[in-house]
Amino acid sequence: MSVPLYQVKAEFFKTLAHPVRIRVLELLSERDHAVSEILPEVGVEAAHLSQQLAVLRRGNLVAARREGAAVVYSLTSPEVADLLHIARSILSGVITNRAELLESLITPGADPSRG
């Protein structure tokens, strides 16, 4: 029995649905990072970071490799970085539209339908 594509997509987006996981992916979009480098950037305890990295590994978004005593993470696909960039662009437009609507609401005599 096959799973519908929309359900697989929903599971994919659930994997992304945590601020720590998003931040980790952003960092890995720049370059590979050791866990010791990620930890101060995300501001959570090591155990919590480990849990979030496990979710990303299970979702096949990141891969881990050992380099000496360090565990280094990388993105499994450069398209993950593209997805984050597209999300940022979408959010920028949404925020701009909200800011324009807010401005029209607080400016006396402004017509929020224009614009």
N, C-alpha and C. Protein backbone atom coordinates (compact mmCIF):
# COMPACT_ATOMS: atom_id res chain seq x y z
N MET A 1 0.85 -1.18 0.00
CA MET A 1 0.00 0.00 0.00
C MET A 1 0.90 1.24 0.00
N SER A 2 0.75 2.07 -1.00
CA SER A 2 1.61 3.24 -1.11
C SER A 2 1.02 4.42 -0.33
N VAL A 3 1.90 5.29 0.11
CA VAL A 3 1.51 6.48 0.86
C VAL A 3 1.35 7.62 -0.13
N PRO A 4 0.25 8.38 -0.04
CA PRO A 4 0.07 9.51 -0.96
C PRO A 4 1.19 10.54 -0.78
N LEU A 5 1.57 11.14 -1.90
CA LEU A 5 2.65 12.12 -1.89
C LEU A 5 2.37 13.27 -0.92
N TYR A 6 1.14 13.73 -0.84
CA TYR A 6 0.84 14.83 0.07
C TYR A 6 1.10 14.45 1.52
N GLN A 7 0.92 13.18 1.84
CA GLN A 7 1.20 12.74 3.21
C GLN A 7 2.71 12.72 3.46
N VAL A 8 3.47 12.28 2.48
CA VAL A 8 4.93 12.28 2.60
C VAL A 8 5.44 13.71 2.74
N LYS A 9 4.86 14.63 1.96
CA LYS A 9 5.24 16.04 2.07
C LYS A 9 4.92 16.59 3.46
N ALA A 10 3.77 16.23 4.00
CA ALA A 10 3.40 16.70 5.34
C ALA A 10 4.41 16.21 6.38
N GLU A 11 4.83 14.97 6.26
CA GLU A 11 5.83 14.43 7.19
C GLU A 11 7.17 15.17 7.03
N PHE A 12 7.52 15.49 5.80
CA PHE A 12 8.74 16.25 5.54
C PHE A 12 8.69 17.60 6.25
N PHE A 13 7.57 18.30 6.10
CA PHE A 13 7.46 19.62 6.74
C PHE A 13 7.38 19.50 8.26
N LYS A 14 6.85 18.42 8.78
CA LYS A 14 6.87 18.20 10.23
C LYS A 14 8.31 18.08 10.73
N THR A 15 9.15 17.45 9.91
CA THR A 15 10.57 17.33 10.27
C THR A 15 11.21 18.70 10.40
N LEU A 16 10.78 19.63 9.58
CA LEU A 16 11.34 20.99 9.62
C LEU A 16 10.74 21.84 10.74
N ALA A 17 9.66 21.41 11.31
CA ALA A 17 8.83 22.25 12.18
C ALA A 17 9.36 22.40 13.60
N HIS A 18 10.59 22.87 13.73
CA HIS A 18 11.14 23.18 15.05
C HIS A 18 12.23 24.23 14.87
N PRO A 19 12.24 25.28 15.70
CA PRO A 19 13.24 26.34 15.54
C PRO A 19 14.69 25.86 15.61
N VAL A 20 14.98 24.92 16.47
CA VAL A 20 16.36 24.43 16.58
C VAL A 20 16.75 23.71 15.30
N ARG A 21 15.84 22.91 14.75
CA ARG A 21 16.15 22.19 13.52
C ARG A 21 16.37 23.16 12.36
N ILE A 22 15.54 24.20 12.29
CA ILE A 22 15.72 25.21 11.24
C ILE A 22 17.08 25.89 11.39
N ARG A 23 17.43 26.26 12.61
CA ARG A 23 18.72 26.94 12.84
C ARG A 23 19.88 26.03 12.46
N VAL A 24 19.80 24.76 12.81
CA VAL A 24 20.85 23.81 12.45
C VAL A 24 20.99 23.74 10.93
N LEU A 25 19.86 23.65 10.23
CA LEU A 25 19.91 23.58 8.77
C LEU A 25 20.48 24.86 8.17
N GLU A 26 20.15 25.99 8.77
CA GLU A 26 20.74 27.26 8.30
C GLU A 26 22.26 27.23 8.44
N LEU A 27 22.73 26.78 9.59
CA LEU A 27 24.18 26.71 9.81
C LEU A 27 24.84 25.76 8.81
N LEU A 28 24.20 24.62 8.59
CA LEU A 28 24.77 23.63 7.67
C LEU A 28 24.65 24.07 6.22
N SER A 29 23.78 25.03 5.96
CA SER A 29 23.70 25.59 4.61
C SER A 29 24.95 26.39 4.26
N GLU A 30 25.61 26.90 5.29
CA GLU A 30 26.83 27.68 5.09
C GLU A 30 28.03 26.76 4.88
N ARG A 31 28.12 25.71 5.71
CA ARG A 31 29.23 24.75 5.64
C ARG A 31 28.96 23.62 6.63
N ASP A 32 29.73 22.56 6.53
CA ASP A 32 29.63 21.46 7.49
C ASP A 32 30.07 21.98 8.86
N HIS A 33 29.44 21.45 9.91
CA HIS A 33 29.76 21.88 11.27
C HIS A 33 29.90 20.67 12.19
N ALA A 34 30.85 20.77 13.11
CA ALA A 34 30.94 19.80 14.20
C ALA A 34 29.87 20.14 15.22
N VAL A 35 29.43 19.15 15.96
CA VAL A 35 28.42 19.38 16.99
C VAL A 35 28.88 20.47 17.95
N SER A 36 30.16 20.47 18.28
CA SER A 36 30.68 21.48 19.21
C SER A 36 30.56 22.89 18.65
N GLU A 37 30.50 23.04 17.33
CA GLU A 37 30.32 24.35 16.72
C GLU A 37 28.84 24.74 16.67
N ILE A 38 27.98 23.75 16.52
CA ILE A 38 26.54 24.01 16.43
C ILE A 38 25.98 24.41 17.79
N LEU A 39 26.42 23.75 18.81
CA LEU A 39 25.87 23.93 20.16
C LEU A 39 25.78 25.38 20.61
N PRO A 40 26.85 26.17 20.55
CA PRO A 40 26.72 27.56 21.02
C PRO A 40 25.84 28.42 20.10
N GLU A 41 25.68 28.01 18.86
CA GLU A 41 24.88 28.78 17.91
C GLU A 41 23.38 28.60 18.12
N VAL A 42 22.98 27.45 18.67
CA VAL A 42 21.54 27.19 18.83
C VAL A 42 21.04 27.48 20.24
N GLY A 43 21.95 27.53 21.20
CA GLY A 43 21.57 27.93 22.56
C GLY A 43 20.68 26.96 23.31
N VAL A 44 20.88 25.66 23.08
CA VAL A 44 20.14 24.65 23.83
C VAL A 44 21.15 23.70 24.47
N GLU A 45 20.65 22.85 25.36
CA GLU A 45 21.53 21.88 25.99
C GLU A 45 21.92 20.80 24.99
N ALA A 46 23.05 20.18 25.24
CA ALA A 46 23.59 19.17 24.33
C ALA A 46 22.59 18.04 24.08
N ALA A 47 21.90 17.60 25.11
CA ALA A 47 20.93 16.50 24.95
C ALA A 47 19.80 16.90 24.01
N HIS A 48 19.34 18.15 24.13
CA HIS A 48 18.26 18.62 23.26
C HIS A 48 18.74 18.73 21.82
N LEU A 49 19.95 19.24 21.62
CA LEU A 49 20.51 19.32 20.27
C LEU A 49 20.64 17.93 19.68
N SER A 50 21.09 16.98 20.47
CA SER A 50 21.24 15.61 20.00
C SER A 50 19.90 15.05 19.52
N GLN A 51 18.84 15.32 20.26
CA GLN A 51 17.49 14.87 19.86
C GLN A 51 17.08 15.49 18.53
N GLN A 52 17.34 16.78 18.38
CA GLN A 52 16.94 17.47 17.15
C GLN A 52 17.77 16.99 15.95
N LEU A 53 19.04 16.74 16.17
CA LEU A 53 19.88 16.19 15.10
C LEU A 53 19.40 14.80 14.69
N ALA A 54 18.94 14.02 15.66
CA ALA A 54 18.42 12.68 15.36
C ALA A 54 17.18 12.77 14.47
N VAL A 55 16.32 13.74 14.75
CA VAL A 55 15.12 13.94 13.91
C VAL A 55 15.54 14.28 12.49
N LEU A 56 16.52 15.17 12.35
CA LEU A 56 16.99 15.55 11.02
C LEU A 56 17.66 14.38 10.30
N ARG A 57 18.37 13.54 11.03
CA ARG A 57 18.98 12.35 10.42
C ARG A 57 17.90 11.37 9.96
N ARG A 58 16.90 11.13 10.82
CA ARG A 58 15.81 10.22 10.43
C ARG A 58 15.06 10.74 9.21
N GLY A 59 14.97 12.05 9.07
CA GLY A 59 14.32 12.66 7.92
C GLY A 59 15.22 12.72 6.70
N ASN A 60 16.45 12.22 6.85
CA ASN A 60 17.44 12.21 5.77
C ASN A 60 17.77 13.61 5.25
N LEU A 61 17.74 14.59 6.14
CA LEU A 61 18.10 15.95 5.77
C LEU A 61 19.56 16.25 6.09
N VAL A 62 20.11 15.54 7.07
CA VAL A 62 21.52 15.72 7.42
C VAL A 62 22.19 14.35 7.52
N ALA A 63 23.49 14.38 7.37
CA ALA A 63 24.31 13.18 7.55
C ALA A 63 25.42 13.51 8.53
N ALA A 64 25.84 12.51 9.28
CA ALA A 64 26.90 12.68 10.27
C ALA A 64 28.09 11.82 9.87
N ARG A 65 29.27 12.35 10.15
CA ARG A 65 30.49 11.57 9.96
C ARG A 65 31.45 11.90 11.10
N ARG A 66 32.30 10.96 11.39
CA ARG A 66 33.28 11.15 12.46
C ARG A 66 34.58 11.66 11.87
N GLU A 67 35.11 12.70 12.49
CA GLU A 67 36.43 13.21 12.15
C GLU A 67 37.22 13.28 13.45
N GLY A 68 38.00 12.25 13.69
CA GLY A 68 38.70 12.14 14.97
C GLY A 68 37.68 11.95 16.07
N ALA A 69 37.75 12.82 17.07
CA ALA A 69 36.81 12.73 18.18
C ALA A 69 35.52 13.49 17.91
N ALA A 70 35.49 14.27 16.84
CA ALA A 70 34.33 15.12 16.55
C ALA A 70 33.35 14.42 15.61
N VAL A 71 32.06 14.74 15.80
CA VAL A 71 31.03 14.32 14.87
C VAL A 71 30.66 15.56 14.06
N VAL A 72 30.79 15.44 12.75
CA VAL A 72 30.56 16.56 11.84
C VAL A 72 29.29 16.29 11.04
N TYR A 73 28.44 17.31 10.95
CA TYR A 73 27.18 17.19 10.22
C TYR A 73 27.24 17.97 8.92
N SER A 74 26.52 17.46 7.94
CA SER A 74 26.39 18.14 6.65
C SER A 74 24.98 17.91 6.12
N LEU A 75 24.57 18.77 5.19
CA LEU A 75 23.29 18.58 4.52
C LEU A 75 23.40 17.41 3.56
N THR A 76 22.32 16.66 3.42
CA THR A 76 22.32 15.55 2.47
C THR A 76 22.08 16.04 1.05
N SER A 77 21.56 17.26 0.91
CA SER A 77 21.28 17.82 -0.41
C SER A 77 21.39 19.33 -0.35
N PRO A 78 22.01 19.94 -1.36
CA PRO A 78 22.07 21.41 -1.39
C PRO A 78 20.69 22.04 -1.56
N GLU A 79 19.71 21.25 -1.99
CA GLU A 79 18.36 21.77 -2.17
C GLU A 79 17.71 22.15 -0.83
N VAL A 80 18.21 21.59 0.26
CA VAL A 80 17.71 21.99 1.58
C VAL A 80 18.02 23.47 1.80
N ALA A 81 19.23 23.89 1.44
CA ALA A 81 19.61 25.30 1.55
C ALA A 81 18.72 26.15 0.65
N ASP A 82 18.43 25.65 -0.55
CA ASP A 82 17.54 26.38 -1.47
C ASP A 82 16.16 26.55 -0.85
N LEU A 83 15.65 25.49 -0.22
CA LEU A 83 14.34 25.54 0.41
C LEU A 83 14.31 26.61 1.51
N LEU A 84 15.35 26.68 2.31
CA LEU A 84 15.41 27.69 3.37
C LEU A 84 15.45 29.09 2.78
N HIS A 85 16.16 29.25 1.69
CA HIS A 85 16.24 30.56 1.02
C HIS A 85 14.87 30.95 0.47
N ILE A 86 14.17 30.01 -0.14
CA ILE A 86 12.83 30.28 -0.67
C ILE A 86 11.87 30.62 0.46
N ALA A 87 11.95 29.89 1.57
CA ALA A 87 11.09 30.18 2.72
C ALA A 87 11.34 31.60 3.23
N ARG A 88 12.60 32.00 3.27
CA ARG A 88 12.94 33.36 3.72
C ARG A 88 12.32 34.39 2.79
N SER A 89 12.38 34.13 1.49
CA SER A 89 11.80 35.04 0.51
C SER A 89 10.28 35.15 0.67
N ILE A 90 9.63 34.02 0.85
CA ILE A 90 8.18 34.01 1.06
C ILE A 90 7.83 34.80 2.31
N LEU A 91 8.53 34.53 3.39
CA LEU A 91 8.25 35.21 4.66
C LEU A 91 8.50 36.71 4.56
N SER A 92 9.50 37.09 3.81
CA SER A 92 9.78 38.50 3.61
C SER A 92 8.58 39.19 2.96
N GLY A 93 8.00 38.55 1.95
CA GLY A 93 6.82 39.10 1.30
C GLY A 93 5.62 39.16 2.23
N VAL A 94 5.43 38.12 3.02
CA VAL A 94 4.32 38.08 3.96
C VAL A 94 4.45 39.19 4.99
N ILE A 95 5.66 39.36 5.52
CA ILE A 95 5.89 40.39 6.54
C ILE A 95 5.71 41.78 5.94
N THR A 96 6.19 41.97 4.73
CA THR A 96 6.02 43.26 4.05
C THR A 96 4.54 43.58 3.88
N ASN A 97 3.77 42.60 3.44
CA ASN A 97 2.33 42.81 3.27
C ASN A 97 1.65 43.12 4.59
N ARG A 98 2.04 42.43 5.65
CA ARG A 98 1.46 42.69 6.97
C ARG A 98 1.83 44.09 7.45
N ALA A 99 3.08 44.48 7.21
CA ALA A 99 3.52 45.82 7.64
C ALA A 99 2.73 46.89 6.90
N GLU A 100 2.49 46.67 5.61
CA GLU A 100 1.71 47.65 4.84
C GLU A 100 0.28 47.71 5.36
N LEU A 101 -0.31 46.56 5.68
CA LEU A 101 -1.66 46.54 6.22
C LEU A 101 -1.71 47.24 7.57
N LEU A 102 -0.74 46.96 8.43
CA LEU A 102 -0.67 47.61 9.73
C LEU A 102 -0.55 49.11 9.57
N GLU A 103 0.30 49.55 8.68
CA GLU A 103 0.46 50.99 8.45
C GLU A 103 -0.85 51.62 8.01
N SER A 104 -1.58 50.93 7.13
CA SER A 104 -2.85 51.48 6.66
C SER A 104 -3.89 51.52 7.78
N LEU A 105 -3.78 50.63 8.73
CA LEU A 105 -4.74 50.61 9.84
C LEU A 105 -4.45 51.71 10.86
N ILE A 106 -3.17 52.06 11.02
CA ILE A 106 -2.85 53.07 12.04
C ILE A 106 -2.78 54.48 11.48
N THR A 107 -2.79 54.59 10.15
CA THR A 107 -2.74 55.90 9.54
C THR A 107 -4.17 56.41 9.32
N PRO A 108 -4.54 57.51 9.99
CA PRO A 108 -5.91 58.02 9.83
C PRO A 108 -6.23 58.33 8.36
N GLY A 109 -7.40 57.89 7.94
CA GLY A 109 -7.85 58.18 6.59
C GLY A 109 -7.28 57.27 5.52
N ALA A 110 -6.40 56.36 5.91
CA ALA A 110 -5.82 55.44 4.91
C ALA A 110 -6.85 54.39 4.55
N ASP A 111 -6.83 53.97 3.30
CA ASP A 111 -7.76 52.96 2.81
C ASP A 111 -6.98 51.64 2.68
N PRO A 112 -7.21 50.66 3.58
CA PRO A 112 -6.45 49.41 3.54
C PRO A 112 -6.71 48.60 2.28
N SER A 113 -7.77 48.88 1.52
CA SER A 113 -8.04 48.12 0.31
C SER A 113 -7.19 48.61 -0.86
N ARG A 114 -6.64 49.83 -0.75
CA ARG A 114 -5.75 50.32 -1.80
C ARG A 114 -4.35 49.81 -1.53
N GLY A 115 -3.67 49.51 -2.60
CA GLY A 115 -2.34 49.27 -2.34
C GLY A 115 -1.57 48.21 -2.74
